[in-house]
C-alpha atoms as a PDB file:
ATOM      1  CA  UNK A   1      62.355 102.499  73.311  1.00  0.00           C
ATOM      2  CA  UNK A   2      59.753  99.761  73.160  1.00  0.00           C
ATOM      3  CA  UNK A   3      59.781  97.459  70.143  1.00  0.00           C
ATOM      4  CA  UNK A   4      56.419  97.164  68.374  1.00  0.00           C
ATOM      5  CA  UNK A   5      57.216  94.531  65.781  1.00  0.00           C
ATOM      6  CA  UNK A   6      59.613  93.740  62.965  1.00  0.00           C
ATOM      7  CA  UNK A   7      59.872  93.414  59.198  1.00  0.00           C
ATOM      8  CA  UNK A   8      62.319  91.581  56.950  1.00  0.00           C
ATOM      9  CA  UNK A   9      64.101  93.932  54.524  1.00  0.00           C
ATOM     10  CA  UNK A  10      66.275  91.781  52.294  1.00  0.00           C
ATOM     11  CA  UNK A  11      68.570  89.978  54.735  1.00  0.00           C
ATOM     12  CA  UNK A  12      68.015  92.543  57.512  1.00  0.00           C
ATOM     13  CA  UNK A  13      65.569  92.205  60.381  1.00  0.00           C
ATOM     14  CA  UNK A  14      64.191  95.667  61.119  1.00  0.00           C
ATOM     15  CA  UNK A  15      62.761  96.027  64.625  1.00  0.00           C
ATOM     16  CA  UNK A  16      60.458  99.020  64.909  1.00  0.00           C
ATOM     17  CA  UNK A  17      60.908 101.029  68.084  1.00  0.00           C
ATOM     18  CA  UNK A  18      58.863 103.921  69.410  1.00  0.00           C
ATOM     19  CA  UNK A  19      61.554 106.418  68.349  1.00  0.00           C
ATOM     20  CA  UNK A  20      63.942 104.460  66.121  1.00  0.00           C
ATOM     21  CA  UNK A  21      64.440 101.206  64.268  1.00  0.00           C
ATOM     22  CA  UNK A  22      67.086  98.624  65.135  1.00  0.00           C
ATOM     23  CA  UNK A  23      68.384  96.836  62.033  1.00  0.00           C
ATOM     24  CA  UNK A  24      70.116  93.469  62.479  1.00  0.00           C
ATOM     25  CA  UNK A  25      71.745  91.440  59.701  1.00  0.00           C
ATOM     26  CA  UNK A  26      73.673  88.181  59.980  1.00  0.00           C
ATOM     27  CA  UNK A  27      76.559  88.403  57.505  1.00  0.00           C
ATOM     28  CA  UNK A  28      77.646  84.914  58.635  1.00  0.00           C
ATOM     29  CA  UNK A  29      76.670  82.540  61.418  1.00  0.00           C
ATOM     30  CA  UNK A  30      79.091  84.383  63.720  1.00  0.00           C
ATOM     31  CA  UNK A  31      79.191  87.934  62.263  1.00  0.00           C
ATOM     32  CA  UNK A  32      76.322  90.363  62.841  1.00  0.00           C
ATOM     33  CA  UNK A  33      75.746  93.973  61.790  1.00  0.00           C
ATOM     34  CA  UNK A  34      73.603  96.134  64.094  1.00  0.00           C
ATOM     35  CA  UNK A  35      72.468  99.623  63.202  1.00  0.00           C
ATOM     36  CA  UNK A  36      70.312 102.188  64.973  1.00  0.00           C
ATOM     37  CA  UNK A  37      68.101 104.113  62.556  1.00  0.00           C
ATOM     38  CA  UNK A  38      66.382 107.128  64.140  1.00  0.00           C
ATOM     39  CA  UNK A  39      63.192 108.144  62.311  1.00  0.00           C
ATOM     40  CA  UNK A  40      63.991 109.385  58.829  1.00  0.00           C
ATOM     41  CA  UNK A  41      67.707 108.572  58.939  1.00  0.00           C
ATOM     42  CA  UNK A  42      68.887 107.393  55.510  1.00  0.00           C
ATOM     43  CA  UNK A  43      70.990 104.290  55.067  1.00  0.00           C
ATOM     44  CA  UNK A  44      74.595 105.141  54.233  1.00  0.00           C
ATOM     45  CA  UNK A  45      76.944 102.692  52.584  1.00  0.00           C
ATOM     46  CA  UNK A  46      80.339 102.648  54.262  1.00  0.00           C
ATOM     47  CA  UNK A  47      83.651 102.721  52.355  1.00  0.00           C
ATOM     48  CA  UNK A  48      85.282 101.095  55.412  1.00  0.00           C
ATOM     49  CA  UNK A  49      83.551  97.745  54.867  1.00  0.00           C
ATOM     50  CA  UNK A  50      84.417  95.358  52.068  1.00  0.00           C
ATOM     51  CA  UNK A  51      81.368  94.080  50.248  1.00  0.00           C
ATOM     52  CA  UNK A  52      82.656  90.524  50.382  1.00  0.00           C
ATOM     53  CA  UNK A  53      80.050  87.807  50.777  1.00  0.00           C
ATOM     54  CA  UNK A  54      80.655  85.997  54.066  1.00  0.00           C
ATOM     55  CA  UNK A  55      78.082  83.351  53.284  1.00  0.00           C
ATOM     56  CA  UNK A  56      75.124  84.691  55.222  1.00  0.00           C
ATOM     57  CA  UNK A  57      73.255  82.510  57.700  1.00  0.00           C
ATOM     58  CA  UNK A  58      70.065  80.539  58.077  1.00  0.00           C
ATOM     59  CA  UNK A  59      68.304  82.583  60.747  1.00  0.00           C
ATOM     60  CA  UNK A  60      65.169  81.721  62.670  1.00  0.00           C
ATOM     61  CA  UNK A  61      63.133  84.239  64.692  1.00  0.00           C
ATOM     62  CA  UNK A  62      61.065  83.421  67.765  1.00  0.00           C
ATOM     63  CA  UNK A  63      58.489  85.919  68.971  1.00  0.00           C
ATOM     64  CA  UNK A  64      58.643  85.462  72.748  1.00  0.00           C
ATOM     65  CA  UNK A  65      56.528  87.315  75.346  1.00  0.00           C
ATOM     66  CA  UNK A  66      59.330  89.710  76.330  1.00  0.00           C
ATOM     67  CA  UNK A  67      61.736  89.600  73.371  1.00  0.00           C
ATOM     68  CA  UNK A  68      62.556  88.503  69.853  1.00  0.00           C
ATOM     69  CA  UNK A  69      65.213  85.790  69.564  1.00  0.00           C
ATOM     70  CA  UNK A  70      67.264  85.474  66.362  1.00  0.00           C
ATOM     71  CA  UNK A  71      69.214  82.223  66.074  1.00  0.00           C
ATOM     72  CA  UNK A  72      71.928  81.031  63.688  1.00  0.00           C
ATOM     73  CA  UNK A  73      73.996  77.860  63.924  1.00  0.00           C
ATOM     74  CA  UNK A  74      76.517  79.629  66.194  1.00  0.00           C
ATOM     75  CA  UNK A  75      74.817  82.589  67.808  1.00  0.00           C
ATOM     76  CA  UNK A  76      71.723  83.892  69.585  1.00  0.00           C
ATOM     77  CA  UNK A  77      70.770  87.570  69.325  1.00  0.00           C
ATOM     78  CA  UNK A  78      68.017  88.691  71.668  1.00  0.00           C
ATOM     79  CA  UNK A  79      66.109  91.996  71.238  1.00  0.00           C
ATOM     80  CA  UNK A  80      64.183  93.072  74.337  1.00  0.00           C
ATOM     81  CA  UNK A  81      60.667  94.296  73.517  1.00  0.00           C
ATOM     82  CA  UNK A  82      60.552  96.844  76.319  1.00  0.00           C
ATOM     83  CA  UNK A  83      63.911  98.579  75.877  1.00  0.00           C
ATOM     84  CA  UNK A  84      65.336  97.424  72.543  1.00  0.00           C
ATOM     85  CA  UNK A  85      68.343  96.074  74.442  1.00  0.00           C
ATOM     86  CA  UNK A  86      70.458  93.715  72.310  1.00  0.00           C
ATOM     87  CA  UNK A  87      72.135  90.651  73.835  1.00  0.00           C
ATOM     88  CA  UNK A  88      74.597  88.315  72.095  1.00  0.00           C
ATOM     89  CA  UNK A  89      74.751  84.774  73.493  1.00  0.00           C
ATOM     90  CA  UNK A  90      76.261  81.437  72.599  1.00  0.00           C
ATOM     91  CA  UNK A  91      73.941  78.668  71.470  1.00  0.00           C
ATOM     92  CA  UNK A  92      73.922  77.334  75.059  1.00  0.00           C
ATOM     93  CA  UNK A  93      72.563  80.770  76.173  1.00  0.00           C
ATOM     94  CA  UNK A  94      75.825  81.885  77.773  1.00  0.00           C
ATOM     95  CA  UNK A  95      75.909  85.676  77.479  1.00  0.00           C
ATOM     96  CA  UNK A  96      78.848  86.981  75.432  1.00  0.00           C
ATOM     97  CA  UNK A  97      78.033  90.711  75.614  1.00  0.00           C
ATOM     98  CA  UNK A  98      74.904  92.838  75.928  1.00  0.00           C
ATOM     99  CA  UNK A  99      73.623  96.370  76.145  1.00  0.00           C
ATOM    100  CA  UNK A 100      72.928  98.036  79.440  1.00  0.00           C
ATOM    101  CA  UNK A 101      69.314  99.079  80.018  1.00  0.00           C
ATOM    102  CA  UNK A 102      70.190 102.384  78.322  1.00  0.00           C
ATOM    103  CA  UNK A 103      71.591 100.648  75.254  1.00  0.00           C
ATOM    104  CA  UNK A 104      71.825 102.731  72.081  1.00  0.00           C
ATOM    105  CA  UNK A 105      70.823 106.406  72.085  1.00  0.00           C
ATOM    106  CA  UNK A 106      71.329 109.699  70.239  1.00  0.00           C
ATOM    107  CA  UNK A 107      70.647 113.376  70.955  1.00  0.00           C
ATOM    108  CA  UNK A 108      69.331 116.425  69.073  1.00  0.00           C
ATOM    109  CA  UNK A 109      72.890 117.469  68.169  1.00  0.00           C
ATOM    110  CA  UNK A 110      73.455 114.221  66.280  1.00  0.00           C
ATOM    111  CA  UNK A 111      75.769 112.664  68.867  1.00  0.00           C
ATOM    112  CA  UNK A 112      75.414 108.905  69.363  1.00  0.00           C
ATOM    113  CA  UNK A 113      76.028 106.735  72.428  1.00  0.00           C
ATOM    114  CA  UNK A 114      76.153 103.036  73.183  1.00  0.00           C
ATOM    115  CA  UNK A 115      76.500 101.401  76.597  1.00  0.00           C
ATOM    116  CA  UNK A 116      77.455  97.757  77.064  1.00  0.00           C
ATOM    117  CA  UNK A 117      77.736  95.706  80.225  1.00  0.00           C
ATOM    118  CA  UNK A 118      81.227  94.638  81.312  1.00  0.00           C
ATOM    119  CA  UNK A 119      81.905  91.270  82.932  1.00  0.00           C
ATOM    120  CA  UNK A 120      83.807  91.309  86.204  1.00  0.00           C
ATOM    121  CA  UNK A 121      86.868  89.615  84.682  1.00  0.00           C
ATOM    122  CA  UNK A 122      86.614  91.219  81.232  1.00  0.00           C
ATOM    123  CA  UNK A 123      89.678  92.659  79.497  1.00  0.00           C
ATOM    124  CA  UNK A 124      89.771  94.850  76.393  1.00  0.00           C
ATOM    125  CA  UNK A 125      92.368  94.921  73.614  1.00  0.00           C
ATOM    126  CA  UNK A 126      92.773  97.011  70.482  1.00  0.00           C
ATOM    127  CA  UNK A 127      91.437 100.554  69.898  1.00  0.00           C
ATOM    128  CA  UNK A 128      94.190 101.817  67.674  1.00  0.00           C
ATOM    129  CA  UNK A 129      97.700 103.089  68.157  1.00  0.00           C
ATOM    130  CA  UNK A 130      98.008 103.859  71.876  1.00  0.00           C
ATOM    131  CA  UNK A 131     100.692 103.791  74.530  1.00  0.00           C
ATOM    132  CA  UNK A 132     100.312 102.110  77.906  1.00  0.00           C
ATOM    133  CA  UNK A 133      99.152  98.632  78.856  1.00  0.00           C
ATOM    134  CA  UNK A 134      97.700  96.190  76.343  1.00  0.00           C
ATOM    135  CA  UNK A 135      94.569  95.735  78.459  1.00  0.00           C
ATOM    136  CA  UNK A 136      92.536  98.929  78.048  1.00  0.00           C
ATOM    137  CA  UNK A 137      90.084  98.230  80.870  1.00  0.00           C
ATOM    138  CA  UNK A 138      89.689 101.326  83.021  1.00  0.00           C
ATOM    139  CA  UNK A 139      90.832 103.705  80.285  1.00  0.00           C
ATOM    140  CA  UNK A 140      89.129 106.518  78.389  1.00  0.00           C
ATOM    141  CA  UNK A 141      90.381 106.500  74.794  1.00  0.00           C
ATOM    142  CA  UNK A 142      89.765 108.788  71.827  1.00  0.00           C
ATOM    143  CA  UNK A 143      89.666 107.661  68.219  1.00  0.00           C
ATOM    144  CA  UNK A 144      91.064 110.596  66.256  1.00  0.00           C
ATOM    145  CA  UNK A 145      94.279 110.738  64.234  1.00  0.00           C
ATOM    146  CA  UNK A 146      96.777 113.319  65.427  1.00  0.00           C
ATOM    147  CA  UNK A 147     100.388 114.237  64.764  1.00  0.00           C
ATOM    148  CA  UNK A 148     101.556 113.443  68.280  1.00  0.00           C
ATOM    149  CA  UNK A 149     104.791 115.400  68.625  1.00  0.00           C
ATOM    150  CA  UNK A 150     107.091 114.975  71.608  1.00  0.00           C
ATOM    151  CA  UNK A 151     107.460 112.073  73.995  1.00  0.00           C
ATOM    152  CA  UNK A 152     104.902 109.297  73.689  1.00  0.00           C
ATOM    153  CA  UNK A 153     104.480 108.638  77.383  1.00  0.00           C
ATOM    154  CA  UNK A 154     102.230 106.041  78.994  1.00  0.00           C
ATOM    155  CA  UNK A 155      99.193 108.314  78.895  1.00  0.00           C
ATOM    156  CA  UNK A 156      99.433 109.382  75.246  1.00  0.00           C
ATOM    157  CA  UNK A 157      96.021 108.886  73.678  1.00  0.00           C
ATOM    158  CA  UNK A 158      95.447 110.400  70.217  1.00  0.00           C
ATOM    159  CA  UNK A 159      98.224 109.338  67.863  1.00  0.00           C
ATOM    160  CA  UNK A 160      98.719 108.400  64.225  1.00  0.00           C
ATOM    161  CA  UNK A 161      96.138 105.643  63.794  1.00  0.00           C
ATOM    162  CA  UNK A 162      92.505 105.432  64.886  1.00  0.00           C
ATOM    163  CA  UNK A 163      90.893 101.983  65.000  1.00  0.00           C
ATOM    164  CA  UNK A 164      87.378 101.947  66.518  1.00  0.00           C
ATOM    165  CA  UNK A 165      87.624  98.211  67.123  1.00  0.00           C
ATOM    166  CA  UNK A 166      88.191  96.220  70.286  1.00  0.00           C
ATOM    167  CA  UNK A 167      88.264  92.636  71.465  1.00  0.00           C
ATOM    168  CA  UNK A 168      86.510  91.782  74.721  1.00  0.00           C
ATOM    169  CA  UNK A 169      87.856  88.753  76.581  1.00  0.00           C
ATOM    170  CA  UNK A 170      86.318  87.109  79.654  1.00  0.00           C
ATOM    171  CA  UNK A 171      85.985  83.620  81.123  1.00  0.00           C
ATOM    172  CA  UNK A 172      83.041  82.661  78.959  1.00  0.00           C
ATOM    173  CA  UNK A 173      84.076  84.017  75.559  1.00  0.00           C
ATOM    174  CA  UNK A 174      86.010  86.389  73.324  1.00  0.00           C
ATOM    175  CA  UNK A 175      84.343  88.694  70.823  1.00  0.00           C
ATOM    176  CA  UNK A 176      85.112  91.653  68.597  1.00  0.00           C
ATOM    177  CA  UNK A 177      83.211  94.901  68.112  1.00  0.00           C
ATOM    178  CA  UNK A 178      83.899  97.334  65.284  1.00  0.00           C
ATOM    179  CA  UNK A 179      82.139 100.728  65.243  1.00  0.00           C
ATOM    180  CA  UNK A 180      81.776 101.908  61.651  1.00  0.00           C
ATOM    181  CA  UNK A 181      81.932 105.657  62.291  1.00  0.00           C
ATOM    182  CA  UNK A 182      84.473 108.259  61.099  1.00  0.00           C
ATOM    183  CA  UNK A 183      83.606 111.017  63.592  1.00  0.00           C
ATOM    184  CA  UNK A 184      85.640 111.730  66.726  1.00  0.00           C
ATOM    185  CA  UNK A 185      84.788 108.817  68.990  1.00  0.00           C
ATOM    186  CA  UNK A 186      85.497 107.961  72.623  1.00  0.00           C
ATOM    187  CA  UNK A 187      85.625 104.560  74.302  1.00  0.00           C
ATOM    188  CA  UNK A 188      85.299 104.565  78.097  1.00  0.00           C
ATOM    189  CA  UNK A 189      86.162 100.971  78.948  1.00  0.00           C
ATOM    190  CA  UNK A 190      84.886 100.424  82.514  1.00  0.00           C
ATOM    191  CA  UNK A 191      86.407 103.790  83.372  1.00  0.00           C
ATOM    192  CA  UNK A 192      86.695 104.656  87.098  1.00  0.00           C
ATOM    193  CA  UNK A 193      85.528 101.185  88.084  1.00  0.00           C
ATOM    194  CA  UNK A 194      82.260 101.357  86.170  1.00  0.00           C
ATOM    195  CA  UNK A 195      80.583  98.102  85.177  1.00  0.00           C
ATOM    196  CA  UNK A 196      79.916  99.326  81.651  1.00  0.00           C
ATOM    197  CA  UNK A 197      81.725 100.305  78.479  1.00  0.00           C
ATOM    198  CA  UNK A 198      80.457 103.555  76.962  1.00  0.00           C
ATOM    199  CA  UNK A 199      81.064 104.448  73.323  1.00  0.00           C
ATOM    200  CA  UNK A 200      80.216 107.929  72.018  1.00  0.00           C
ATOM    201  CA  UNK A 201      80.675 109.710  68.692  1.00  0.00           C
ATOM    202  CA  UNK A 202      80.204 113.364  67.757  1.00  0.00           C
ATOM    203  CA  UNK A 203      77.966 112.395  64.828  1.00  0.00           C
ATOM    204  CA  UNK A 204      77.334 109.813  62.146  1.00  0.00           C
ATOM    205  CA  UNK A 205      75.538 106.498  62.409  1.00  0.00           C
ATOM    206  CA  UNK A 206      75.489 104.089  65.322  1.00  0.00           C
ATOM    207  CA  UNK A 207      76.498 101.174  63.177  1.00  0.00           C
ATOM    208  CA  UNK A 208      78.564  98.308  64.536  1.00  0.00           C
ATOM    209  CA  UNK A 209      79.728  94.785  63.717  1.00  0.00           C
ATOM    210  CA  UNK A 210      79.860  91.960  66.234  1.00  0.00           C
ATOM    211  CA  UNK A 211      82.337  89.095  65.666  1.00  0.00           C
ATOM    212  CA  UNK A 212      82.002  85.958  67.762  1.00  0.00           C
ATOM    213  CA  UNK A 213      85.027  84.062  69.107  1.00  0.00           C
ATOM    214  CA  UNK A 214      84.931  81.864  71.071  1.00  0.00           C
ATOM    215  CA  UNK A 215      88.703  82.496  71.371  1.00  0.00           C
ATOM    216  CA  UNK A 216      90.621  85.650  70.501  1.00  0.00           C
ATOM    217  CA  UNK A 217      92.299  83.928  67.521  1.00  0.00           C
ATOM    218  CA  UNK A 218      88.880  83.311  65.982  1.00  0.00           C
ATOM    219  CA  UNK A 219      88.012  87.008  66.177  1.00  0.00           C
ATOM    220  CA  UNK A 220      91.167  88.195  64.414  1.00  0.00           C
END
């Protein structure tokens, strides 16, 4: 929904939407935590994340007519005032990845959803122990550990390890995205020719970490 302003809570910039807050924190110049907080949702500390100090960042905020722009030495994060859409860009304003117009949502059953635009040449790598091709573009993958008996053919999805993390790679950049959520989660990575990647979870927080490249080796 529309963003009506923001506050600084410690090192987090909290953007107040009509139905939820979007909380953004730079853990380093090139590492950013984004969390959607529906009204009344408590903050939950995650055992999946090490509390190691990455150095933080000197962040400036510009209040522009249509958006808020957060800038570190290596990264621009833009929050659209109309939709709450979040865009990550290089310091030369080259888009690395961004939400679709739908962006981050949730429903009355507690399910969460995030949609991100996909570049025409973008490939995706990671997402846990899976069979098949390394590039997961076009696939629908589930993050849920399972004792996968029998043959592990090319289409085997749920197996012994679930890693809700992927690397996106396109001509302009590489980046990583880790969803900090322990519920059953699906990643539809430009499935059926779609120009978007859709991430859903049966519950929990919509809480993710963005890691800037610019190359894949810098992400990992």
